[in-house]
Amino acid sequence: MKQNWLEWLNWKDEKSCYWAISYCAKKELIGTIMPNLAIASSEELRRIIQGWPARKPGKGFSSSRREELLKEELRMRNAYAQWIKRKKASSHKNYTLWMKRDINKKMHKYAKEHHLSISATVQLLLEDFHGEIKRIEEEHREKRREQRESHQKQQDVLKDRIKRQGETIAELKEQISNLKKSPRKSARNSRILKFNAPDDESR
């Protein structure tokens, strides 16, 4: 026999503890204790069962209250199992699978090796497959991002090269223009010098 009351309950789940408190209140198993909803349900439930007699009394000891609680605990455990089943049913759905015999054998072998039910095996395989698909999609997104960045860098390099070539062309045009202007200036200066130079006869 178990040493403590409600050992089968999931004490880590506050909703389960709250359900147990509600059940005890409905079945009038809490005596004069008023549930304190301001504290955690697990803590409050422990406070409630502290007022119950020992679940496993000493040799030769009997208690009508203890016997009553043992019977009620059994009913409570069955009710809790139904509550859990209904809770799971709201988030689960039944499916009928039609598959090849060799696939069926492989799935049963996999389930046996990992100590899983067939339903849990199918769910695990689907989750693994979905995770693998997400991983592949993420890899493709990363590759596309790298390709976009590489393409952008190439464009920036080409734009910079075109800009520098444009600046070089502008400089060359300016130099050519200056060269074209230089002969005209030299010719004009020569004419001016000839005009100002004295004739041989005047001397």
N, C-alpha and C. Protein backbone atom coordinates (compact mmCIF):
# COMPACT_ATOMS: atom_id res chain seq x y z
N MET A 1 0.84 -1.19 0.00
CA MET A 1 0.00 0.00 0.00
C MET A 1 0.88 1.25 0.00
N LYS A 2 0.45 2.25 -0.73
CA LYS A 2 1.21 3.49 -0.81
C LYS A 2 1.20 4.20 0.54
N GLN A 3 2.27 4.91 0.80
CA GLN A 3 2.43 5.57 2.09
C GLN A 3 1.60 6.84 2.20
N ASN A 4 1.47 7.58 1.09
CA ASN A 4 0.84 8.90 1.13
C ASN A 4 -0.42 8.95 0.27
N TRP A 5 -1.30 9.87 0.62
CA TRP A 5 -2.52 10.07 -0.15
C TRP A 5 -2.20 10.72 -1.49
N LEU A 6 -2.99 10.33 -2.48
CA LEU A 6 -2.96 10.96 -3.83
C LEU A 6 -1.57 10.92 -4.47
N GLU A 7 -0.84 9.84 -4.28
CA GLU A 7 0.48 9.73 -4.92
C GLU A 7 0.37 9.59 -6.44
N TRP A 8 -0.76 9.16 -6.93
CA TRP A 8 -0.97 8.98 -8.36
C TRP A 8 -1.24 10.32 -9.08
N LEU A 9 -1.48 11.37 -8.31
CA LEU A 9 -1.81 12.67 -8.89
C LEU A 9 -0.53 13.35 -9.41
N ASN A 10 -0.67 14.08 -10.48
CA ASN A 10 0.45 14.85 -11.01
C ASN A 10 0.57 16.16 -10.22
N TRP A 11 1.38 16.11 -9.17
CA TRP A 11 1.50 17.25 -8.27
C TRP A 11 2.21 18.44 -8.93
N LYS A 12 2.93 18.18 -9.99
CA LYS A 12 3.63 19.28 -10.66
C LYS A 12 2.69 20.10 -11.53
N ASP A 13 1.52 19.55 -11.80
CA ASP A 13 0.54 20.24 -12.63
C ASP A 13 -0.47 20.93 -11.73
N GLU A 14 -0.42 22.25 -11.69
CA GLU A 14 -1.31 23.02 -10.81
C GLU A 14 -2.79 22.83 -11.17
N LYS A 15 -3.06 22.61 -12.46
CA LYS A 15 -4.46 22.39 -12.87
C LYS A 15 -4.98 21.08 -12.31
N SER A 16 -4.12 20.06 -12.26
CA SER A 16 -4.52 18.78 -11.68
C SER A 16 -4.79 18.93 -10.19
N CYS A 17 -3.94 19.69 -9.52
CA CYS A 17 -4.13 19.93 -8.08
C CYS A 17 -5.41 20.72 -7.82
N TYR A 18 -5.69 21.68 -8.70
CA TYR A 18 -6.93 22.45 -8.54
C TYR A 18 -8.14 21.56 -8.76
N TRP A 19 -8.04 20.64 -9.73
CA TRP A 19 -9.13 19.68 -9.96
C TRP A 19 -9.36 18.83 -8.72
N ALA A 20 -8.26 18.37 -8.09
CA ALA A 20 -8.37 17.54 -6.88
C ALA A 20 -9.03 18.31 -5.74
N ILE A 21 -8.68 19.57 -5.60
CA ILE A 21 -9.30 20.40 -4.55
C ILE A 21 -10.80 20.54 -4.80
N SER A 22 -11.17 20.78 -6.05
CA SER A 22 -12.59 20.92 -6.40
C SER A 22 -13.33 19.62 -6.14
N TYR A 23 -12.70 18.50 -6.46
CA TYR A 23 -13.32 17.19 -6.23
C TYR A 23 -13.53 16.97 -4.73
N CYS A 24 -12.50 17.26 -3.93
CA CYS A 24 -12.60 17.08 -2.48
C CYS A 24 -13.70 17.96 -1.88
N ALA A 25 -13.80 19.18 -2.39
CA ALA A 25 -14.84 20.09 -1.89
C ALA A 25 -16.23 19.58 -2.27
N LYS A 26 -16.35 19.07 -3.50
CA LYS A 26 -17.64 18.55 -3.97
C LYS A 26 -18.06 17.33 -3.16
N LYS A 27 -17.10 16.47 -2.82
CA LYS A 27 -17.40 15.25 -2.06
C LYS A 27 -17.32 15.46 -0.55
N GLU A 28 -17.12 16.72 -0.16
CA GLU A 28 -17.05 17.09 1.26
C GLU A 28 -15.96 16.31 2.00
N LEU A 29 -14.77 16.25 1.36
CA LEU A 29 -13.64 15.54 1.95
C LEU A 29 -12.66 16.47 2.65
N ILE A 30 -12.96 17.75 2.66
CA ILE A 30 -12.02 18.70 3.26
C ILE A 30 -12.47 19.16 4.64
N GLY A 31 -13.57 18.62 5.14
CA GLY A 31 -14.03 18.96 6.48
C GLY A 31 -14.40 20.43 6.59
N THR A 32 -13.86 21.07 7.59
CA THR A 32 -14.17 22.48 7.82
C THR A 32 -13.13 23.41 7.17
N ILE A 33 -12.16 22.82 6.46
CA ILE A 33 -11.12 23.63 5.83
C ILE A 33 -11.70 24.37 4.62
N MET A 34 -11.45 25.64 4.56
CA MET A 34 -11.89 26.45 3.42
C MET A 34 -10.71 26.61 2.45
N PRO A 35 -10.87 26.18 1.22
CA PRO A 35 -9.77 26.30 0.25
C PRO A 35 -9.32 27.74 0.08
N ASN A 36 -8.02 27.94 0.14
CA ASN A 36 -7.44 29.27 -0.06
C ASN A 36 -6.94 29.36 -1.50
N LEU A 37 -7.67 30.06 -2.34
CA LEU A 37 -7.34 30.17 -3.76
C LEU A 37 -6.23 31.18 -4.03
N ALA A 38 -5.76 31.86 -2.96
CA ALA A 38 -4.71 32.86 -3.14
C ALA A 38 -3.32 32.22 -3.23
N ILE A 39 -3.20 30.94 -2.87
CA ILE A 39 -1.90 30.27 -2.92
C ILE A 39 -1.93 29.19 -3.99
N ALA A 40 -0.77 28.61 -4.30
CA ALA A 40 -0.68 27.58 -5.33
C ALA A 40 -1.56 26.39 -4.97
N SER A 41 -2.22 25.81 -5.97
CA SER A 41 -3.14 24.70 -5.73
C SER A 41 -2.43 23.49 -5.11
N SER A 42 -1.18 23.24 -5.52
CA SER A 42 -0.44 22.10 -4.97
C SER A 42 -0.19 22.30 -3.47
N GLU A 43 0.15 23.52 -3.10
CA GLU A 43 0.39 23.82 -1.68
C GLU A 43 -0.90 23.71 -0.88
N GLU A 44 -1.99 24.20 -1.45
CA GLU A 44 -3.27 24.15 -0.76
C GLU A 44 -3.76 22.71 -0.61
N LEU A 45 -3.54 21.89 -1.64
CA LEU A 45 -3.97 20.49 -1.57
C LEU A 45 -3.18 19.74 -0.50
N ARG A 46 -1.89 20.02 -0.36
CA ARG A 46 -1.10 19.39 0.69
C ARG A 46 -1.62 19.79 2.07
N ARG A 47 -2.04 21.03 2.20
CA ARG A 47 -2.59 21.49 3.48
C ARG A 47 -3.89 20.75 3.81
N ILE A 48 -4.68 20.46 2.76
CA ILE A 48 -5.96 19.78 2.98
C ILE A 48 -5.75 18.35 3.44
N ILE A 49 -4.86 17.60 2.75
CA ILE A 49 -4.71 16.18 3.09
C ILE A 49 -3.91 15.98 4.38
N GLN A 50 -3.30 17.04 4.88
CA GLN A 50 -2.63 16.92 6.17
C GLN A 50 -3.63 16.64 7.29
N GLY A 51 -4.88 17.02 7.07
CA GLY A 51 -5.92 16.77 8.07
C GLY A 51 -6.52 15.38 7.97
N TRP A 52 -6.09 14.58 6.99
CA TRP A 52 -6.58 13.22 6.85
C TRP A 52 -5.76 12.27 7.71
N PRO A 53 -6.34 11.18 8.13
CA PRO A 53 -5.56 10.20 8.90
C PRO A 53 -4.49 9.55 8.04
N ALA A 54 -3.52 8.91 8.68
CA ALA A 54 -2.43 8.26 7.94
C ALA A 54 -3.01 7.21 6.99
N ARG A 55 -2.48 7.20 5.78
CA ARG A 55 -2.99 6.26 4.79
C ARG A 55 -2.62 4.83 5.13
N LYS A 56 -1.45 4.65 5.70
CA LYS A 56 -1.01 3.31 6.11
C LYS A 56 -0.77 3.31 7.61
N PRO A 57 -1.81 2.98 8.39
CA PRO A 57 -1.70 3.05 9.85
C PRO A 57 -0.84 1.92 10.42
N GLY A 58 -0.54 2.05 11.68
CA GLY A 58 0.24 1.02 12.35
C GLY A 58 -0.55 -0.28 12.48
N LYS A 59 0.16 -1.34 12.81
CA LYS A 59 -0.45 -2.67 12.91
C LYS A 59 -1.54 -2.69 13.97
N GLY A 60 -2.69 -3.28 13.61
CA GLY A 60 -3.79 -3.40 14.55
C GLY A 60 -4.62 -2.15 14.69
N PHE A 61 -4.30 -1.08 13.92
CA PHE A 61 -5.04 0.17 14.02
C PHE A 61 -6.04 0.25 12.88
N SER A 62 -7.23 0.67 13.17
CA SER A 62 -8.28 0.81 12.16
C SER A 62 -9.01 2.11 12.38
N SER A 63 -9.50 2.69 11.27
CA SER A 63 -10.20 3.97 11.34
C SER A 63 -11.28 3.98 10.29
N SER A 64 -12.50 4.28 10.70
CA SER A 64 -13.60 4.35 9.74
C SER A 64 -13.40 5.52 8.77
N ARG A 65 -12.82 6.61 9.29
CA ARG A 65 -12.53 7.75 8.44
C ARG A 65 -11.51 7.37 7.37
N ARG A 66 -10.48 6.64 7.76
CA ARG A 66 -9.45 6.20 6.83
C ARG A 66 -10.05 5.28 5.78
N GLU A 67 -10.91 4.33 6.17
CA GLU A 67 -11.53 3.41 5.23
C GLU A 67 -12.43 4.16 4.25
N GLU A 68 -13.11 5.14 4.76
CA GLU A 68 -13.97 5.96 3.89
C GLU A 68 -13.14 6.71 2.86
N LEU A 69 -12.00 7.27 3.32
CA LEU A 69 -11.14 8.03 2.41
C LEU A 69 -10.48 7.12 1.38
N LEU A 70 -10.14 5.90 1.78
CA LEU A 70 -9.54 4.95 0.83
C LEU A 70 -10.50 4.65 -0.32
N LYS A 71 -11.78 4.43 0.02
CA LYS A 71 -12.78 4.17 -1.00
C LYS A 71 -12.99 5.39 -1.89
N GLU A 72 -13.02 6.55 -1.24
CA GLU A 72 -13.24 7.77 -2.01
C GLU A 72 -12.03 8.11 -2.88
N GLU A 73 -10.83 7.78 -2.38
CA GLU A 73 -9.62 8.03 -3.17
C GLU A 73 -9.62 7.19 -4.45
N LEU A 74 -10.14 5.94 -4.34
CA LEU A 74 -10.22 5.08 -5.51
C LEU A 74 -11.18 5.68 -6.55
N ARG A 75 -12.33 6.15 -6.07
CA ARG A 75 -13.28 6.79 -6.98
C ARG A 75 -12.68 8.08 -7.57
N MET A 76 -11.95 8.79 -6.72
CA MET A 76 -11.31 10.03 -7.16
C MET A 76 -10.26 9.75 -8.23
N ARG A 77 -9.51 8.66 -8.06
CA ARG A 77 -8.48 8.30 -9.05
C ARG A 77 -9.12 7.96 -10.38
N ASN A 78 -10.23 7.23 -10.37
CA ASN A 78 -10.94 6.89 -11.60
C ASN A 78 -11.48 8.14 -12.29
N ALA A 79 -12.02 9.05 -11.46
CA ALA A 79 -12.55 10.31 -12.00
C ALA A 79 -11.42 11.15 -12.60
N TYR A 80 -10.27 11.11 -11.95
CA TYR A 80 -9.11 11.86 -12.44
C TYR A 80 -8.64 11.30 -13.78
N ALA A 81 -8.63 9.98 -13.91
CA ALA A 81 -8.23 9.34 -15.17
C ALA A 81 -9.18 9.75 -16.29
N GLN A 82 -10.49 9.82 -15.99
CA GLN A 82 -11.46 10.25 -17.00
C GLN A 82 -11.25 11.72 -17.36
N TRP A 83 -10.91 12.53 -16.35
CA TRP A 83 -10.67 13.96 -16.59
C TRP A 83 -9.46 14.15 -17.50
N ILE A 84 -8.40 13.38 -17.24
CA ILE A 84 -7.20 13.44 -18.07
C ILE A 84 -7.52 12.99 -19.50
N LYS A 85 -8.33 11.93 -19.61
CA LYS A 85 -8.69 11.41 -20.93
C LYS A 85 -9.48 12.45 -21.72
N ARG A 86 -10.44 13.09 -21.06
CA ARG A 86 -11.22 14.12 -21.74
C ARG A 86 -10.33 15.31 -22.12
N LYS A 87 -9.39 15.62 -21.24
CA LYS A 87 -8.47 16.73 -21.51
C LYS A 87 -7.61 16.44 -22.72
N LYS A 88 -7.12 15.21 -22.84
CA LYS A 88 -6.32 14.82 -23.99
C LYS A 88 -7.16 14.75 -25.25
N ALA A 89 -8.41 14.31 -25.09
CA ALA A 89 -9.29 14.16 -26.26
C ALA A 89 -9.53 15.49 -26.95
N SER A 90 -9.49 16.58 -26.16
CA SER A 90 -9.73 17.90 -26.75
C SER A 90 -8.57 18.36 -27.62
N SER A 91 -7.38 17.76 -27.42
CA SER A 91 -6.21 18.16 -28.20
C SER A 91 -5.71 17.04 -29.11
N HIS A 92 -6.45 15.93 -29.19
CA HIS A 92 -6.05 14.81 -30.04
C HIS A 92 -7.18 14.45 -31.00
N LYS A 93 -6.84 13.71 -32.04
CA LYS A 93 -7.82 13.29 -33.02
C LYS A 93 -7.46 11.89 -33.51
N ASN A 94 -8.48 11.07 -33.72
CA ASN A 94 -8.25 9.70 -34.18
C ASN A 94 -8.03 9.66 -35.69
N TYR A 95 -7.11 8.78 -36.12
CA TYR A 95 -6.83 8.58 -37.53
C TYR A 95 -6.74 7.09 -37.83
N THR A 96 -7.14 6.71 -39.03
CA THR A 96 -6.97 5.33 -39.50
C THR A 96 -5.90 5.35 -40.58
N LEU A 97 -4.82 4.59 -40.34
CA LEU A 97 -3.69 4.60 -41.28
C LEU A 97 -3.73 3.37 -42.18
N TRP A 98 -3.48 3.58 -43.46
CA TRP A 98 -3.42 2.50 -44.44
C TRP A 98 -2.03 2.51 -45.04
N MET A 99 -1.24 1.47 -44.76
CA MET A 99 0.15 1.46 -45.19
C MET A 99 0.58 0.07 -45.64
N LYS A 100 1.71 0.00 -46.31
CA LYS A 100 2.25 -1.27 -46.76
C LYS A 100 2.71 -2.10 -45.56
N ARG A 101 2.72 -3.42 -45.76
CA ARG A 101 3.08 -4.33 -44.68
C ARG A 101 4.52 -4.11 -44.21
N ASP A 102 5.43 -3.88 -45.15
CA ASP A 102 6.82 -3.70 -44.75
C ASP A 102 7.01 -2.41 -43.95
N ILE A 103 6.26 -1.37 -44.30
CA ILE A 103 6.32 -0.12 -43.53
C ILE A 103 5.73 -0.34 -42.14
N ASN A 104 4.65 -1.14 -42.08
CA ASN A 104 4.03 -1.44 -40.80
C ASN A 104 5.00 -2.19 -39.88
N LYS A 105 5.75 -3.13 -40.47
CA LYS A 105 6.73 -3.89 -39.69
C LYS A 105 7.84 -2.97 -39.17
N LYS A 106 8.30 -2.09 -40.04
CA LYS A 106 9.35 -1.16 -39.63
C LYS A 106 8.88 -0.24 -38.51
N MET A 107 7.64 0.20 -38.59
CA MET A 107 7.11 1.09 -37.57
C MET A 107 6.97 0.37 -36.22
N HIS A 108 6.49 -0.89 -36.26
CA HIS A 108 6.38 -1.66 -35.03
C HIS A 108 7.76 -1.93 -34.42
N LYS A 109 8.74 -2.18 -35.28
CA LYS A 109 10.10 -2.42 -34.80
C LYS A 109 10.65 -1.15 -34.15
N TYR A 110 10.41 -0.01 -34.79
CA TYR A 110 10.87 1.26 -34.25
C TYR A 110 10.19 1.55 -32.91
N ALA A 111 8.88 1.29 -32.84
CA ALA A 111 8.14 1.53 -31.61
C ALA A 111 8.66 0.64 -30.48
N LYS A 112 8.96 -0.61 -30.79
CA LYS A 112 9.45 -1.54 -29.78
C LYS A 112 10.83 -1.13 -29.28
N GLU A 113 11.69 -0.70 -30.20
CA GLU A 113 13.05 -0.29 -29.82
C GLU A 113 13.04 0.94 -28.92
N HIS A 114 12.08 1.83 -29.12
CA HIS A 114 12.04 3.08 -28.35
C HIS A 114 10.96 3.06 -27.27
N HIS A 115 10.36 1.88 -27.07
CA HIS A 115 9.34 1.71 -26.02
C HIS A 115 8.20 2.73 -26.18
N LEU A 116 7.68 2.80 -27.40
CA LEU A 116 6.60 3.74 -27.70
C LEU A 116 5.39 2.99 -28.24
N SER A 117 4.24 3.62 -28.09
CA SER A 117 3.04 3.09 -28.73
C SER A 117 3.09 3.45 -30.21
N ILE A 118 2.22 2.81 -31.00
CA ILE A 118 2.19 3.11 -32.43
C ILE A 118 1.79 4.57 -32.66
N SER A 119 0.83 5.05 -31.89
CA SER A 119 0.40 6.45 -32.04
C SER A 119 1.54 7.40 -31.74
N ALA A 120 2.26 7.11 -30.64
CA ALA A 120 3.38 7.97 -30.27
C ALA A 120 4.49 7.89 -31.32
N THR A 121 4.68 6.72 -31.90
CA THR A 121 5.70 6.55 -32.94
C THR A 121 5.38 7.37 -34.17
N VAL A 122 4.12 7.29 -34.64
CA VAL A 122 3.71 8.07 -35.80
C VAL A 122 3.87 9.57 -35.53
N GLN A 123 3.44 9.98 -34.34
CA GLN A 123 3.56 11.40 -33.98
C GLN A 123 5.02 11.84 -33.94
N LEU A 124 5.89 10.99 -33.35
CA LEU A 124 7.31 11.33 -33.27
C LEU A 124 7.94 11.43 -34.65
N LEU A 125 7.61 10.47 -35.53
CA LEU A 125 8.17 10.49 -36.88
C LEU A 125 7.72 11.73 -37.65
N LEU A 126 6.46 12.10 -37.48
CA LEU A 126 5.95 13.29 -38.16
C LEU A 126 6.63 14.55 -37.62
N GLU A 127 6.82 14.61 -36.31
CA GLU A 127 7.48 15.77 -35.72
C GLU A 127 8.93 15.86 -36.19
N ASP A 128 9.62 14.69 -36.26
CA ASP A 128 11.00 14.68 -36.75
C ASP A 128 11.06 15.12 -38.21
N PHE A 129 10.08 14.62 -39.01
CA PHE A 129 10.04 14.99 -40.43
C PHE A 129 9.78 16.48 -40.59
N HIS A 130 8.85 16.99 -39.78
CA HIS A 130 8.54 18.42 -39.84
C HIS A 130 9.76 19.24 -39.43
N GLY A 131 10.48 18.77 -38.41
CA GLY A 131 11.69 19.46 -37.98
C GLY A 131 12.75 19.46 -39.06
N GLU A 132 12.88 18.33 -39.77
CA GLU A 132 13.85 18.23 -40.85
C GLU A 132 13.48 19.17 -42.00
N ILE A 133 12.19 19.24 -42.32
CA ILE A 133 11.73 20.15 -43.37
C ILE A 133 12.04 21.60 -42.99
N LYS A 134 11.79 21.94 -41.74
CA LYS A 134 12.08 23.30 -41.29
C LYS A 134 13.58 23.60 -41.38
N ARG A 135 14.41 22.59 -41.04
CA ARG A 135 15.86 22.78 -41.10
C ARG A 135 16.30 23.02 -42.55
N ILE A 136 15.74 22.23 -43.48
CA ILE A 136 16.09 22.39 -44.89
C ILE A 136 15.64 23.75 -45.41
N GLU A 137 14.43 24.16 -45.02
CA GLU A 137 13.92 25.47 -45.45
C GLU A 137 14.81 26.59 -44.91
N GLU A 138 15.26 26.44 -43.67
CA GLU A 138 16.13 27.45 -43.08
C GLU A 138 17.47 27.52 -43.82
N GLU A 139 17.99 26.36 -44.21
CA GLU A 139 19.24 26.33 -44.98
C GLU A 139 19.06 27.04 -46.33
N HIS A 140 17.92 26.79 -46.99
CA HIS A 140 17.65 27.44 -48.27
C HIS A 140 17.51 28.95 -48.09
N ARG A 141 16.84 29.38 -47.02
CA ARG A 141 16.71 30.82 -46.76
C ARG A 141 18.08 31.45 -46.53
N GLU A 142 18.94 30.73 -45.80
CA GLU A 142 20.27 31.25 -45.53
C GLU A 142 21.09 31.36 -46.81
N LYS A 143 20.98 30.35 -47.71
CA LYS A 143 21.69 30.39 -48.98
C LYS A 143 21.19 31.55 -49.85
N ARG A 144 19.85 31.74 -49.86
CA ARG A 144 19.30 32.85 -50.66
C ARG A 144 19.77 34.19 -50.10
N ARG A 145 19.85 34.29 -48.79
CA ARG A 145 20.33 35.53 -48.18
C ARG A 145 21.79 35.79 -48.56
N GLU A 146 22.60 34.74 -48.51
CA GLU A 146 24.01 34.88 -48.88
C GLU A 146 24.16 35.26 -50.35
N GLN A 147 23.31 34.66 -51.20
CA GLN A 147 23.35 34.98 -52.63
C GLN A 147 22.97 36.44 -52.87
N ARG A 148 21.94 36.91 -52.15
CA ARG A 148 21.52 38.31 -52.30
C ARG A 148 22.64 39.26 -51.85
N GLU A 149 23.29 38.92 -50.73
CA GLU A 149 24.38 39.76 -50.25
C GLU A 149 25.54 39.77 -51.23
N SER A 150 25.87 38.58 -51.80
CA SER A 150 26.96 38.50 -52.77
C SER A 150 26.63 39.31 -54.03
N HIS A 151 25.38 39.18 -54.49
CA HIS A 151 24.94 39.93 -55.67
C HIS A 151 25.01 41.43 -55.42
N GLN A 152 24.60 41.84 -54.21
CA GLN A 152 24.63 43.27 -53.88
C GLN A 152 26.06 43.79 -53.84
N LYS A 153 26.98 42.97 -53.30
CA LYS A 153 28.38 43.38 -53.26
C LYS A 153 28.94 43.53 -54.67
N GLN A 154 28.59 42.59 -55.57
CA GLN A 154 29.04 42.66 -56.96
C GLN A 154 28.51 43.93 -57.63
N GLN A 155 27.24 44.25 -57.36
CA GLN A 155 26.66 45.46 -57.93
C GLN A 155 27.38 46.71 -57.42
N ASP A 156 27.68 46.71 -56.11
CA ASP A 156 28.37 47.87 -55.52
C ASP A 156 29.76 48.04 -56.15
N VAL A 157 30.46 46.91 -56.37
CA VAL A 157 31.78 46.98 -56.99
C VAL A 157 31.68 47.53 -58.41
N LEU A 158 30.69 47.04 -59.20
CA LEU A 158 30.51 47.52 -60.56
C LEU A 158 30.14 49.00 -60.59
N LYS A 159 29.26 49.43 -59.68
CA LYS A 159 28.88 50.83 -59.62
C LYS A 159 30.09 51.71 -59.30
N ASP A 160 30.91 51.24 -58.36
CA ASP A 160 32.11 52.01 -58.00
C ASP A 160 33.08 52.08 -59.18
N ARG A 161 33.22 50.96 -59.91
CA ARG A 161 34.11 50.93 -61.08
C ARG A 161 33.61 51.88 -62.16
N ILE A 162 32.29 51.86 -62.41
CA ILE A 162 31.70 52.75 -63.41
C ILE A 162 31.89 54.21 -63.01
N LYS A 163 31.74 54.48 -61.73
CA LYS A 163 31.91 55.85 -61.24
C LYS A 163 33.34 56.32 -61.46
N ARG A 164 34.31 55.45 -61.10
CA ARG A 164 35.71 55.83 -61.29
C ARG A 164 36.05 55.99 -62.76
N GLN A 165 35.51 55.10 -63.62
CA GLN A 165 35.74 55.23 -65.05
C GLN A 165 35.14 56.52 -65.60
N GLY A 166 33.95 56.88 -65.08
CA GLY A 166 33.33 58.13 -65.49
C GLY A 166 34.18 59.33 -65.11
N GLU A 167 34.76 59.27 -63.90
CA GLU A 167 35.62 60.37 -63.47
C GLU A 167 36.88 60.44 -64.33
N THR A 168 37.43 59.26 -64.69
CA THR A 168 38.62 59.22 -65.56
C THR A 168 38.32 59.80 -66.93
N ILE A 169 37.16 59.44 -67.49
CA ILE A 169 36.76 59.96 -68.80
C ILE A 169 36.60 61.48 -68.75
N ALA A 170 36.01 61.98 -67.66
CA ALA A 170 35.84 63.43 -67.53
C ALA A 170 37.19 64.13 -67.47
N GLU A 171 38.13 63.54 -66.75
CA GLU A 171 39.47 64.14 -66.67
C GLU A 171 40.14 64.14 -68.05
N LEU A 172 40.00 63.02 -68.80
CA LEU A 172 40.59 62.95 -70.14
C LEU A 172 39.98 63.98 -71.07
N LYS A 173 38.67 64.16 -70.99
CA LYS A 173 38.01 65.16 -71.83
C LYS A 173 38.54 66.55 -71.51
N GLU A 174 38.72 66.80 -70.23
CA GLU A 174 39.23 68.12 -69.83
C GLU A 174 40.64 68.32 -70.35
N GLN A 175 41.48 67.27 -70.26
CA GLN A 175 42.85 67.38 -70.77
C GLN A 175 42.86 67.60 -72.27
N ILE A 176 42.01 66.90 -73.02
CA ILE A 176 41.93 67.07 -74.47
C ILE A 176 41.49 68.48 -74.82
N SER A 177 40.52 68.97 -74.05
CA SER A 177 40.04 70.33 -74.29
C SER A 177 41.15 71.35 -74.06
N ASN A 178 41.94 71.13 -73.03
CA ASN A 178 43.04 72.04 -72.74
C ASN A 178 44.10 71.99 -73.84
N LEU A 179 44.34 70.78 -74.34
CA LEU A 179 45.31 70.64 -75.42
C LEU A 179 44.85 71.36 -76.68
N LYS A 180 43.55 71.31 -76.98
CA LYS A 180 43.02 72.00 -78.15
C LYS A 180 43.13 73.51 -78.00
N LYS A 181 43.01 74.00 -76.80
CA LYS A 181 43.08 75.43 -76.56
C LYS A 181 44.52 75.93 -76.63
N SER A 182 45.49 75.14 -76.29
CA SER A 182 46.90 75.57 -76.23
C SER A 182 47.44 76.06 -77.57
N PRO A 183 47.25 75.41 -78.73
CA PRO A 183 47.76 75.92 -80.03
C PRO A 183 47.20 77.27 -80.39
N ARG A 184 45.90 77.51 -80.10
CA ARG A 184 45.29 78.79 -80.41
C ARG A 184 45.93 79.91 -79.60
N LYS A 185 46.22 79.59 -78.33
CA LYS A 185 46.85 80.60 -77.48
C LYS A 185 48.26 80.92 -78.00
N SER A 186 48.99 79.89 -78.42
CA SER A 186 50.36 80.08 -78.93
C SER A 186 50.35 80.92 -80.21
N ALA A 187 49.38 80.64 -81.10
CA ALA A 187 49.28 81.39 -82.34
C ALA A 187 48.95 82.84 -82.08
N ARG A 188 48.04 83.10 -81.16
CA ARG A 188 47.66 84.47 -80.84
C ARG A 188 48.83 85.24 -80.25
N ASN A 189 49.55 84.55 -79.35
CA ASN A 189 50.72 85.19 -78.74
C ASN A 189 51.77 85.53 -79.79
N SER A 190 51.92 84.66 -80.79
CA SER A 190 52.90 84.90 -81.85
C SER A 190 52.51 86.13 -82.67
N ARG A 191 51.24 86.28 -82.99
CA ARG A 191 50.76 87.43 -83.75
C ARG A 191 50.98 88.71 -82.98
N ILE A 192 50.75 88.65 -81.68
CA ILE A 192 50.94 89.84 -80.85
C ILE A 192 52.41 90.25 -80.85
N LEU A 193 53.31 89.26 -80.76
CA LEU A 193 54.74 89.56 -80.75
C LEU A 193 55.17 90.16 -82.07
N LYS A 194 54.66 89.66 -83.20
CA LYS A 194 55.00 90.19 -84.51
C LYS A 194 54.52 91.62 -84.67
N PHE A 195 53.35 91.93 -84.15
CA PHE A 195 52.79 93.27 -84.26
C PHE A 195 53.61 94.28 -83.46
N ASN A 196 54.10 93.88 -82.36
CA ASN A 196 54.86 94.78 -81.49
C ASN A 196 56.33 94.88 -81.89
N ALA A 197 56.82 93.98 -82.69
CA ALA A 197 58.24 93.99 -83.04
C ALA A 197 58.55 95.13 -84.02
N PRO A 198 59.68 95.95 -83.91
CA PRO A 198 60.02 97.07 -84.80
C PRO A 198 60.49 96.58 -86.17
N ASP A 199 60.20 97.40 -87.24
CA ASP A 199 60.65 97.03 -88.59
C ASP A 199 62.13 97.31 -88.71
N ASP A 200 62.74 96.64 -89.65
CA ASP A 200 64.17 96.86 -89.88
C ASP A 200 64.42 98.26 -90.44
N GLU A 201 63.43 98.81 -91.25
CA GLU A 201 63.62 100.10 -91.86
C GLU A 201 63.59 101.23 -90.85
N SER A 202 62.70 101.08 -89.84
CA SER A 202 62.58 102.14 -88.84
C SER A 202 63.85 102.25 -88.04
N ARG A 203 64.56 101.17 -87.96
CA ARG A 203 65.82 101.27 -87.23
C ARG A 203 66.84 101.87 -88.15
